[in-house]
PDB file of all heavy atoms in Angstrom:
ATOM      1  N   VAL A   1      -1.653  26.597   6.754  1.00  0.00           N
ATOM      2  CA  VAL A   1      -2.177  26.347   5.382  1.00  0.00           C
ATOM      3  C   VAL A   1      -2.909  27.620   4.956  1.00  0.00           C
ATOM      4  O   VAL A   1      -3.484  28.315   5.776  1.00  0.00           O
ATOM      5  CB  VAL A   1      -3.015  25.141   5.250  1.00  0.00           C
ATOM      6  CG1 VAL A   1      -2.189  23.853   5.572  1.00  0.00           C
ATOM      7  CG2 VAL A   1      -4.232  25.191   6.125  1.00  0.00           C
ATOM      8  N   VAL A   2      -3.054  27.823   3.664  1.00  0.00           N
ATOM      9  CA  VAL A   2      -3.773  28.912   3.130  1.00  0.00           C
ATOM     10  C   VAL A   2      -5.249  28.670   3.363  1.00  0.00           C
ATOM     11  O   VAL A   2      -5.732  27.567   3.054  1.00  0.00           O
ATOM     12  CB  VAL A   2      -3.494  29.109   1.612  1.00  0.00           C
ATOM     13  CG1 VAL A   2      -4.382  30.205   1.059  1.00  0.00           C
ATOM     14  CG2 VAL A   2      -2.021  29.414   1.433  1.00  0.00           C
ATOM     15  N   ASP A   3      -5.941  29.587   3.983  1.00  0.00           N
ATOM     16  CA  ASP A   3      -7.346  29.446   4.259  1.00  0.00           C
ATOM     17  C   ASP A   3      -8.100  29.384   2.922  1.00  0.00           C
ATOM     18  O   ASP A   3      -7.847  30.148   1.996  1.00  0.00           O
ATOM     19  CB  ASP A   3      -7.823  30.627   5.052  1.00  0.00           C
ATOM     20  CG  ASP A   3      -9.270  30.406   5.629  1.00  0.00           C
ATOM     21  OD1 ASP A   3      -9.649  29.203   5.790  1.00  0.00           O
ATOM     22  OD2 ASP A   3     -10.000  31.418   5.890  1.00  0.00           O
ATOM     23  N   GLY A   4      -9.039  28.466   2.876  1.00  0.00           N
ATOM     24  CA  GLY A   4      -9.817  28.303   1.588  1.00  0.00           C
ATOM     25  C   GLY A   4      -9.232  27.242   0.719  1.00  0.00           C
ATOM     26  O   GLY A   4      -9.752  26.996  -0.337  1.00  0.00           O
ATOM     27  N   ALA A   5      -8.180  26.615   1.135  1.00  0.00           N
ATOM     28  CA  ALA A   5      -7.561  25.474   0.331  1.00  0.00           C
ATOM     29  C   ALA A   5      -8.552  24.352   0.390  1.00  0.00           C
ATOM     30  O   ALA A   5      -9.337  24.178   1.263  1.00  0.00           O
ATOM     31  CB  ALA A   5      -6.247  25.053   0.872  1.00  0.00           C
ATOM     32  N   PRO A   6      -8.600  23.461  -0.642  1.00  0.00           N
ATOM     33  CA  PRO A   6      -9.521  22.409  -0.644  1.00  0.00           C
ATOM     34  C   PRO A   6      -9.274  21.392   0.409  1.00  0.00           C
ATOM     35  O   PRO A   6      -8.130  21.082   0.701  1.00  0.00           O
ATOM     36  CB  PRO A   6      -9.335  21.776  -2.051  1.00  0.00           C
ATOM     37  CG  PRO A   6      -8.028  22.256  -2.505  1.00  0.00           C
ATOM     38  CD  PRO A   6      -7.746  23.555  -1.864  1.00  0.00           C
ATOM     39  N   VAL A   7     -10.297  20.852   0.986  1.00  0.00           N
ATOM     40  CA  VAL A   7     -10.166  19.895   2.125  1.00  0.00           C
ATOM     41  C   VAL A   7     -10.166  18.458   1.579  1.00  0.00           C
ATOM     42  O   VAL A   7      -9.645  17.601   2.226  1.00  0.00           O
ATOM     43  CB  VAL A   7     -11.363  20.032   3.162  1.00  0.00           C
ATOM     44  CG1 VAL A   7     -11.250  19.046   4.256  1.00  0.00           C
ATOM     45  CG2 VAL A   7     -11.434  21.480   3.697  1.00  0.00           C
ATOM     46  N   ARG A   8     -10.574  18.299   0.329  1.00  0.00           N
ATOM     47  CA  ARG A   8     -10.598  16.950  -0.232  1.00  0.00           C
ATOM     48  C   ARG A   8      -9.268  16.351  -0.538  1.00  0.00           C
ATOM     49  O   ARG A   8      -8.265  17.087  -0.560  1.00  0.00           O
ATOM     50  CB  ARG A   8     -11.491  16.948  -1.490  1.00  0.00           C
ATOM     51  CG  ARG A   8     -10.766  17.715  -2.670  1.00  0.00           C
ATOM     52  CD  ARG A   8     -11.717  17.915  -3.772  1.00  0.00           C
ATOM     53  NE  ARG A   8     -11.002  18.426  -4.951  1.00  0.00           N
ATOM     54  CZ  ARG A   8     -10.572  19.638  -5.067  1.00  0.00           C
ATOM     55  NH1 ARG A   8     -10.761  20.500  -4.131  1.00  0.00           N
ATOM     56  NH2 ARG A   8      -9.968  19.991  -6.176  1.00  0.00           N
ATOM     57  N   LEU A   9      -9.208  15.083  -0.714  1.00  0.00           N
ATOM     58  CA  LEU A   9      -7.922  14.464  -1.067  1.00  0.00           C
ATOM     59  C   LEU A   9      -7.559  14.758  -2.519  1.00  0.00           C
ATOM     60  O   LEU A   9      -8.478  14.678  -3.341  1.00  0.00           O
ATOM     61  CB  LEU A   9      -8.067  12.946  -0.850  1.00  0.00           C
ATOM     62  CG  LEU A   9      -8.093  12.467   0.597  1.00  0.00           C
ATOM     63  CD1 LEU A   9      -8.338  10.943   0.612  1.00  0.00           C
ATOM     64  CD2 LEU A   9      -6.880  12.795   1.316  1.00  0.00           C
ATOM     65  N   GLY A  10      -6.381  14.993  -2.748  1.00  0.00           N
ATOM     66  CA  GLY A  10      -5.961  15.218  -4.194  1.00  0.00           C
ATOM     67  C   GLY A  10      -5.600  13.957  -4.901  1.00  0.00           C
ATOM     68  O   GLY A  10      -5.589  12.866  -4.284  1.00  0.00           O
ATOM     69  N   VAL A  11      -5.391  14.055  -6.152  1.00  0.00           N
ATOM     70  CA  VAL A  11      -5.019  12.915  -6.987  1.00  0.00           C
ATOM     71  C   VAL A  11      -3.717  12.267  -6.482  1.00  0.00           C
ATOM     72  O   VAL A  11      -3.607  11.045  -6.406  1.00  0.00           O
ATOM     73  CB  VAL A  11      -4.889  13.334  -8.468  1.00  0.00           C
ATOM     74  CG1 VAL A  11      -4.401  12.180  -9.323  1.00  0.00           C
ATOM     75  CG2 VAL A  11      -6.259  13.806  -8.979  1.00  0.00           C
ATOM     76  N   ALA A  12      -2.734  13.077  -6.137  1.00  0.00           N
ATOM     77  CA  ALA A  12      -1.513  12.579  -5.645  1.00  0.00           C
ATOM     78  C   ALA A  12      -1.654  11.673  -4.375  1.00  0.00           C
ATOM     79  O   ALA A  12      -1.069  10.635  -4.223  1.00  0.00           O
ATOM     80  CB  ALA A  12      -0.470  13.678  -5.387  1.00  0.00           C
ATOM     81  N   SER A  13      -2.499  12.174  -3.481  1.00  0.00           N
ATOM     82  CA  SER A  13      -2.811  11.385  -2.264  1.00  0.00           C
ATOM     83  C   SER A  13      -3.421  10.056  -2.611  1.00  0.00           C
ATOM     84  O   SER A  13      -3.030   9.024  -2.038  1.00  0.00           O
ATOM     85  CB  SER A  13      -3.735  12.149  -1.345  1.00  0.00           C
ATOM     86  OG  SER A  13      -3.165  13.362  -0.924  1.00  0.00           O
ATOM     87  N   CYS A  14      -4.304   9.988  -3.548  1.00  0.00           N
ATOM     88  CA  CYS A  14      -4.935   8.740  -3.953  1.00  0.00           C
ATOM     89  C   CYS A  14      -3.928   7.813  -4.593  1.00  0.00           C
ATOM     90  O   CYS A  14      -3.937   6.551  -4.334  1.00  0.00           O
ATOM     91  CB  CYS A  14      -6.107   8.977  -4.889  1.00  0.00           C
ATOM     92  SG  CYS A  14      -7.440   9.825  -4.055  1.00  0.00           S
ATOM     93  N   VAL A  15      -3.084   8.340  -5.413  1.00  0.00           N
ATOM     94  CA  VAL A  15      -2.034   7.529  -6.105  1.00  0.00           C
ATOM     95  C   VAL A  15      -1.085   6.947  -5.035  1.00  0.00           C
ATOM     96  O   VAL A  15      -0.784   5.771  -5.111  1.00  0.00           O
ATOM     97  CB  VAL A  15      -1.281   8.330  -7.131  1.00  0.00           C
ATOM     98  CG1 VAL A  15      -0.045   7.575  -7.598  1.00  0.00           C
ATOM     99  CG2 VAL A  15      -2.194   8.674  -8.324  1.00  0.00           C
ATOM    100  N   VAL A  16      -0.623   7.785  -4.118  1.00  0.00           N
ATOM    101  CA  VAL A  16       0.313   7.327  -3.069  1.00  0.00           C
ATOM    102  C   VAL A  16      -0.393   6.238  -2.210  1.00  0.00           C
ATOM    103  O   VAL A  16       0.159   5.262  -1.830  1.00  0.00           O
ATOM    104  CB  VAL A  16       0.850   8.475  -2.244  1.00  0.00           C
ATOM    105  CG1 VAL A  16       1.625   8.003  -1.047  1.00  0.00           C
ATOM    106  CG2 VAL A  16       1.758   9.392  -3.107  1.00  0.00           C
ATOM    107  N   GLY A  17      -1.693   6.528  -1.899  1.00  0.00           N
ATOM    108  CA  GLY A  17      -2.431   5.503  -1.086  1.00  0.00           C
ATOM    109  C   GLY A  17      -2.530   4.194  -1.839  1.00  0.00           C
ATOM    110  O   GLY A  17      -2.391   3.103  -1.209  1.00  0.00           O
ATOM    111  N   GLY A  18      -2.842   4.263  -3.098  1.00  0.00           N
ATOM    112  CA  GLY A  18      -2.936   3.002  -3.890  1.00  0.00           C
ATOM    113  C   GLY A  18      -1.568   2.277  -3.901  1.00  0.00           C
ATOM    114  O   GLY A  18      -1.495   1.073  -3.829  1.00  0.00           O
ATOM    115  N   MET A  19      -0.474   3.037  -4.046  1.00  0.00           N
ATOM    116  CA  MET A  19       0.832   2.457  -4.113  1.00  0.00           C
ATOM    117  C   MET A  19       1.140   1.743  -2.780  1.00  0.00           C
ATOM    118  O   MET A  19       1.756   0.692  -2.760  1.00  0.00           O
ATOM    119  CB  MET A  19       1.859   3.453  -4.471  1.00  0.00           C
ATOM    120  CG  MET A  19       1.783   3.877  -5.930  1.00  0.00           C
ATOM    121  SD  MET A  19       2.931   5.235  -6.356  1.00  0.00           S
ATOM    122  CE  MET A  19       4.495   4.586  -5.918  1.00  0.00           C
ATOM    123  N   THR A  20       0.825   2.364  -1.677  1.00  0.00           N
ATOM    124  CA  THR A  20       1.062   1.730  -0.376  1.00  0.00           C
ATOM    125  C   THR A  20       0.280   0.483  -0.165  1.00  0.00           C
ATOM    126  O   THR A  20       0.725  -0.500   0.379  1.00  0.00           O
ATOM    127  CB  THR A  20       0.835   2.715   0.809  1.00  0.00           C
ATOM    128  OG1 THR A  20      -0.537   3.171   0.805  1.00  0.00           O
ATOM    129  CG2 THR A  20       1.798   3.880   0.757  1.00  0.00           C
ATOM    130  N   VAL A  21      -1.016   0.468  -0.625  1.00  0.00           N
ATOM    131  CA  VAL A  21      -1.812  -0.755  -0.592  1.00  0.00           C
ATOM    132  C   VAL A  21      -1.167  -1.821  -1.399  1.00  0.00           C
ATOM    133  O   VAL A  21      -1.112  -2.975  -0.980  1.00  0.00           O
ATOM    134  CB  VAL A  21      -3.255  -0.400  -0.990  1.00  0.00           C
ATOM    135  CG1 VAL A  21      -4.082  -1.695  -1.197  1.00  0.00           C
ATOM    136  CG2 VAL A  21      -3.980   0.505   0.032  1.00  0.00           C
ATOM    137  N   MET A  22      -0.727  -1.519  -2.629  1.00  0.00           N
ATOM    138  CA  MET A  22      -0.069  -2.527  -3.417  1.00  0.00           C
ATOM    139  C   MET A  22       1.194  -3.011  -2.789  1.00  0.00           C
ATOM    140  O   MET A  22       1.540  -4.221  -2.854  1.00  0.00           O
ATOM    141  CB  MET A  22       0.257  -1.936  -4.851  1.00  0.00           C
ATOM    142  CG  MET A  22      -0.938  -1.799  -5.700  1.00  0.00           C
ATOM    143  SD  MET A  22      -0.694  -1.114  -7.359  1.00  0.00           S
ATOM    144  CE  MET A  22       0.991  -1.182  -7.667  1.00  0.00           C
ATOM    145  N   LEU A  23       1.991  -2.141  -2.139  1.00  0.00           N
ATOM    146  CA  LEU A  23       3.210  -2.517  -1.528  1.00  0.00           C
ATOM    147  C   LEU A  23       2.925  -3.478  -0.310  1.00  0.00           C
ATOM    148  O   LEU A  23       3.565  -4.506  -0.205  1.00  0.00           O
ATOM    149  CB  LEU A  23       3.900  -1.249  -0.986  1.00  0.00           C
ATOM    150  CG  LEU A  23       5.357  -1.387  -0.516  1.00  0.00           C
ATOM    151  CD1 LEU A  23       6.248  -1.845  -1.646  1.00  0.00           C
ATOM    152  CD2 LEU A  23       5.830  -0.114   0.045  1.00  0.00           C
ATOM    153  N   VAL A  24       1.909  -3.154   0.468  1.00  0.00           N
ATOM    154  CA  VAL A  24       1.491  -4.043   1.584  1.00  0.00           C
ATOM    155  C   VAL A  24       1.079  -5.421   0.998  1.00  0.00           C
ATOM    156  O   VAL A  24       1.518  -6.470   1.471  1.00  0.00           O
ATOM    157  CB  VAL A  24       0.362  -3.450   2.416  1.00  0.00           C
ATOM    158  CG1 VAL A  24      -0.119  -4.422   3.398  1.00  0.00           C
ATOM    159  CG2 VAL A  24       0.944  -2.239   3.174  1.00  0.00           C
ATOM    160  N   GLY A  25       0.188  -5.435  -0.008  1.00  0.00           N
ATOM    161  CA  GLY A  25      -0.170  -6.642  -0.622  1.00  0.00           C
ATOM    162  C   GLY A  25       0.910  -7.469  -1.194  1.00  0.00           C
ATOM    163  O   GLY A  25       0.936  -8.696  -0.962  1.00  0.00           O
ATOM    164  N   MET A  26       1.807  -6.816  -1.897  1.00  0.00           N
ATOM    165  CA  MET A  26       2.952  -7.552  -2.470  1.00  0.00           C
ATOM    166  C   MET A  26       3.849  -8.153  -1.299  1.00  0.00           C
ATOM    167  O   MET A  26       4.293  -9.310  -1.412  1.00  0.00           O
ATOM    168  CB  MET A  26       3.785  -6.614  -3.336  1.00  0.00           C
ATOM    169  CG  MET A  26       4.946  -7.217  -4.037  1.00  0.00           C
ATOM    170  SD  MET A  26       5.830  -6.093  -5.171  1.00  0.00           S
ATOM    171  CE  MET A  26       6.492  -4.948  -3.953  1.00  0.00           C
ATOM    172  N   GLY A  27       4.078  -7.350  -0.284  1.00  0.00           N
ATOM    173  CA  GLY A  27       4.842  -7.865   0.838  1.00  0.00           C
ATOM    174  C   GLY A  27       4.202  -9.073   1.474  1.00  0.00           C
ATOM    175  O   GLY A  27       4.897 -10.050   1.862  1.00  0.00           O
ATOM    176  N   LEU A  28       2.861  -9.024   1.700  1.00  0.00           N
ATOM    177  CA  LEU A  28       2.164 -10.130   2.290  1.00  0.00           C
ATOM    178  C   LEU A  28       2.242 -11.388   1.420  1.00  0.00           C
ATOM    179  O   LEU A  28       2.278 -12.482   1.934  1.00  0.00           O
ATOM    180  CB  LEU A  28       0.738  -9.750   2.638  1.00  0.00           C
ATOM    181  CG  LEU A  28       0.560  -8.691   3.808  1.00  0.00           C
ATOM    182  CD1 LEU A  28      -0.863  -8.324   4.001  1.00  0.00           C
ATOM    183  CD2 LEU A  28       1.207  -9.230   5.087  1.00  0.00           C
ATOM    184  N   VAL A  29       2.074 -11.189   0.055  1.00  0.00           N
ATOM    185  CA  VAL A  29       2.204 -12.310  -0.855  1.00  0.00           C
ATOM    186  C   VAL A  29       3.526 -12.968  -0.741  1.00  0.00           C
ATOM    187  O   VAL A  29       3.699 -14.201  -0.619  1.00  0.00           O
ATOM    188  CB  VAL A  29       1.857 -11.926  -2.257  1.00  0.00           C
ATOM    189  CG1 VAL A  29       2.235 -12.970  -3.297  1.00  0.00           C
ATOM    190  CG2 VAL A  29       0.356 -11.560  -2.357  1.00  0.00           C
ATOM    191  N   PHE A  30       4.643 -12.168  -0.761  1.00  0.00           N
ATOM    192  CA  PHE A  30       6.032 -12.637  -0.619  1.00  0.00           C
ATOM    193  C   PHE A  30       6.211 -13.446   0.738  1.00  0.00           C
ATOM    194  O   PHE A  30       6.763 -14.496   0.763  1.00  0.00           O
ATOM    195  CB  PHE A  30       7.058 -11.565  -0.728  1.00  0.00           C
ATOM    196  CG  PHE A  30       7.225 -11.071  -2.140  1.00  0.00           C
ATOM    197  CD1 PHE A  30       7.730  -9.792  -2.304  1.00  0.00           C
ATOM    198  CD2 PHE A  30       6.919 -11.829  -3.235  1.00  0.00           C
ATOM    199  CE1 PHE A  30       7.938  -9.286  -3.568  1.00  0.00           C
ATOM    200  CE2 PHE A  30       7.112 -11.315  -4.529  1.00  0.00           C
ATOM    201  CZ  PHE A  30       7.650 -10.082  -4.696  1.00  0.00           C
ATOM    202  N   ALA A  31       5.613 -12.844   1.775  1.00  0.00           N
ATOM    203  CA  ALA A  31       5.722 -13.513   3.072  1.00  0.00           C
ATOM    204  C   ALA A  31       4.945 -14.864   3.051  1.00  0.00           C
ATOM    205  O   ALA A  31       5.498 -15.830   3.602  1.00  0.00           O
ATOM    206  CB  ALA A  31       5.190 -12.591   4.198  1.00  0.00           C
ATOM    207  N   LEU A  32       3.808 -14.851   2.480  1.00  0.00           N
ATOM    208  CA  LEU A  32       3.028 -16.098   2.388  1.00  0.00           C
ATOM    209  C   LEU A  32       3.754 -17.193   1.603  1.00  0.00           C
ATOM    210  O   LEU A  32       3.852 -18.317   2.006  1.00  0.00           O
ATOM    211  CB  LEU A  32       1.656 -15.812   1.801  1.00  0.00           C
ATOM    212  CG  LEU A  32       0.747 -17.020   1.642  1.00  0.00           C
ATOM    213  CD1 LEU A  32       0.378 -17.551   3.027  1.00  0.00           C
ATOM    214  CD2 LEU A  32      -0.538 -16.681   0.910  1.00  0.00           C
ATOM    215  N   ILE A  33       4.334 -16.759   0.450  1.00  0.00           N
ATOM    216  CA  ILE A  33       5.134 -17.648  -0.319  1.00  0.00           C
ATOM    217  C   ILE A  33       6.291 -18.232   0.480  1.00  0.00           C
ATOM    218  O   ILE A  33       6.619 -19.436   0.473  1.00  0.00           O
ATOM    219  CB  ILE A  33       5.629 -17.011  -1.631  1.00  0.00           C
ATOM    220  CG1 ILE A  33       4.416 -16.794  -2.558  1.00  0.00           C
ATOM    221  CG2 ILE A  33       6.681 -17.867  -2.336  1.00  0.00           C
ATOM    222  CD1 ILE A  33       4.776 -15.884  -3.753  1.00  0.00           C
ATOM    223  N   GLY A  34       6.918 -17.368   1.258  1.00  0.00           N
ATOM    224  CA  GLY A  34       8.091 -17.796   2.079  1.00  0.00           C
ATOM    225  C   GLY A  34       7.635 -18.773   3.148  1.00  0.00           C
ATOM    226  O   GLY A  34       8.300 -19.789   3.412  1.00  0.00           O
ATOM    227  N   PHE A  35       6.524 -18.493   3.835  1.00  0.00           N
ATOM    228  CA  PHE A  35       6.039 -19.384   4.839  1.00  0.00           C
ATOM    229  C   PHE A  35       5.584 -20.753   4.303  1.00  0.00           C
ATOM    230  O   PHE A  35       5.899 -21.804   4.934  1.00  0.00           O
ATOM    231  CB  PHE A  35       4.895 -18.730   5.633  1.00  0.00           C
ATOM    232  CG  PHE A  35       5.296 -17.632   6.571  1.00  0.00           C
ATOM    233  CD1 PHE A  35       4.603 -16.479   6.639  1.00  0.00           C
ATOM    234  CD2 PHE A  35       6.445 -17.784   7.336  1.00  0.00           C
ATOM    235  CE1 PHE A  35       4.986 -15.453   7.475  1.00  0.00           C
ATOM    236  CE2 PHE A  35       6.818 -16.770   8.232  1.00  0.00           C
ATOM    237  CZ  PHE A  35       6.105 -15.593   8.274  1.00  0.00           C
ATOM    238  N   VAL A  36       4.938 -20.720   3.185  1.00  0.00           N
ATOM    239  CA  VAL A  36       4.527 -21.971   2.540  1.00  0.00           C
ATOM    240  C   VAL A  36       5.726 -22.817   2.158  1.00  0.00           C
ATOM    241  O   VAL A  36       5.781 -24.028   2.288  1.00  0.00           O
ATOM    242  CB  VAL A  36       3.596 -21.712   1.335  1.00  0.00           C
ATOM    243  CG1 VAL A  36       3.405 -22.935   0.517  1.00  0.00           C
ATOM    244  CG2 VAL A  36       2.266 -21.184   1.805  1.00  0.00           C
ATOM    245  N   GLY A  37       6.803 -22.138   1.614  1.00  0.00           N
ATOM    246  CA  GLY A  37       8.010 -22.829   1.267  1.00  0.00           C
ATOM    247  C   GLY A  37       8.681 -23.410   2.499  1.00  0.00           C
ATOM    248  O   GLY A  37       9.204 -24.542   2.431  1.00  0.00           O
ATOM    249  N   VAL A  38       8.676 -22.722   3.644  1.00  0.00           N
ATOM    250  CA  VAL A  38       9.267 -23.271   4.818  1.00  0.00           C
ATOM    251  C   VAL A  38       8.488 -24.462   5.326  1.00  0.00           C
ATOM    252  O   VAL A  38       9.039 -25.502   5.751  1.00  0.00           O
ATOM    253  CB  VAL A  38       9.311 -22.173   5.948  1.00  0.00           C
ATOM    254  CG1 VAL A  38       9.641 -22.754   7.278  1.00  0.00           C
ATOM    255  CG2 VAL A  38      10.359 -21.147   5.612  1.00  0.00           C
ATOM    256  N   ILE A  39       7.183 -24.406   5.298  1.00  0.00           N
ATOM    257  CA  ILE A  39       6.317 -25.534   5.717  1.00  0.00           C
ATOM    258  C   ILE A  39       6.549 -26.744   4.870  1.00  0.00           C
ATOM    259  O   ILE A  39       6.737 -27.836   5.392  1.00  0.00           O
ATOM    260  CB  ILE A  39       4.823 -25.109   5.706  1.00  0.00           C
ATOM    261  CG1 ILE A  39       4.568 -24.051   6.872  1.00  0.00           C
ATOM    262  CG2 ILE A  39       3.911 -26.351   5.888  1.00  0.00           C
ATOM    263  CD1 ILE A  39       3.155 -23.463   6.764  1.00  0.00           C
ATOM    264  N   PHE A  40       6.535 -26.588   3.526  1.00  0.00           N
ATOM    265  CA  PHE A  40       6.783 -27.726   2.616  1.00  0.00           C
ATOM    266  C   PHE A  40       8.224 -28.271   2.843  1.00  0.00           C
ATOM    267  O   PHE A  40       8.475 -29.455   2.688  1.00  0.00           O
ATOM    268  CB  PHE A  40       6.548 -27.382   1.243  1.00  0.00           C
ATOM    269  CG  PHE A  40       5.037 -27.347   0.897  1.00  0.00           C
ATOM    270  CD1 PHE A  40       4.461 -26.248   0.301  1.00  0.00           C
ATOM    271  CD2 PHE A  40       4.238 -28.498   1.191  1.00  0.00           C
ATOM    272  CE1 PHE A  40       3.077 -26.217  -0.004  1.00  0.00           C
ATOM    273  CE2 PHE A  40       2.954 -28.515   0.820  1.00  0.00           C
ATOM    274  CZ  PHE A  40       2.319 -27.369   0.269  1.00  0.00           C
ATOM    275  N   ALA A  41       9.217 -27.380   3.021  1.00  0.00           N
ATOM    276  CA  ALA A  41      10.548 -27.836   3.185  1.00  0.00           C
ATOM    277  C   ALA A  41      10.721 -28.633   4.482  1.00  0.00           C
ATOM    278  O   ALA A  41      11.506 -29.605   4.537  1.00  0.00           O
ATOM    279  CB  ALA A  41      11.534 -26.641   3.203  1.00  0.00           C
TER     280      ALA A  41
END
């Protein structure tokens, strides 16, 4: 890497991090809905 480049996280990293958190949350909600449906069935 170029010496002197910023060490902090960039905006793109924060956006991608937020998207992965939303993806995990959405997947867990779908899984929970599926498990609840199986239990009630």
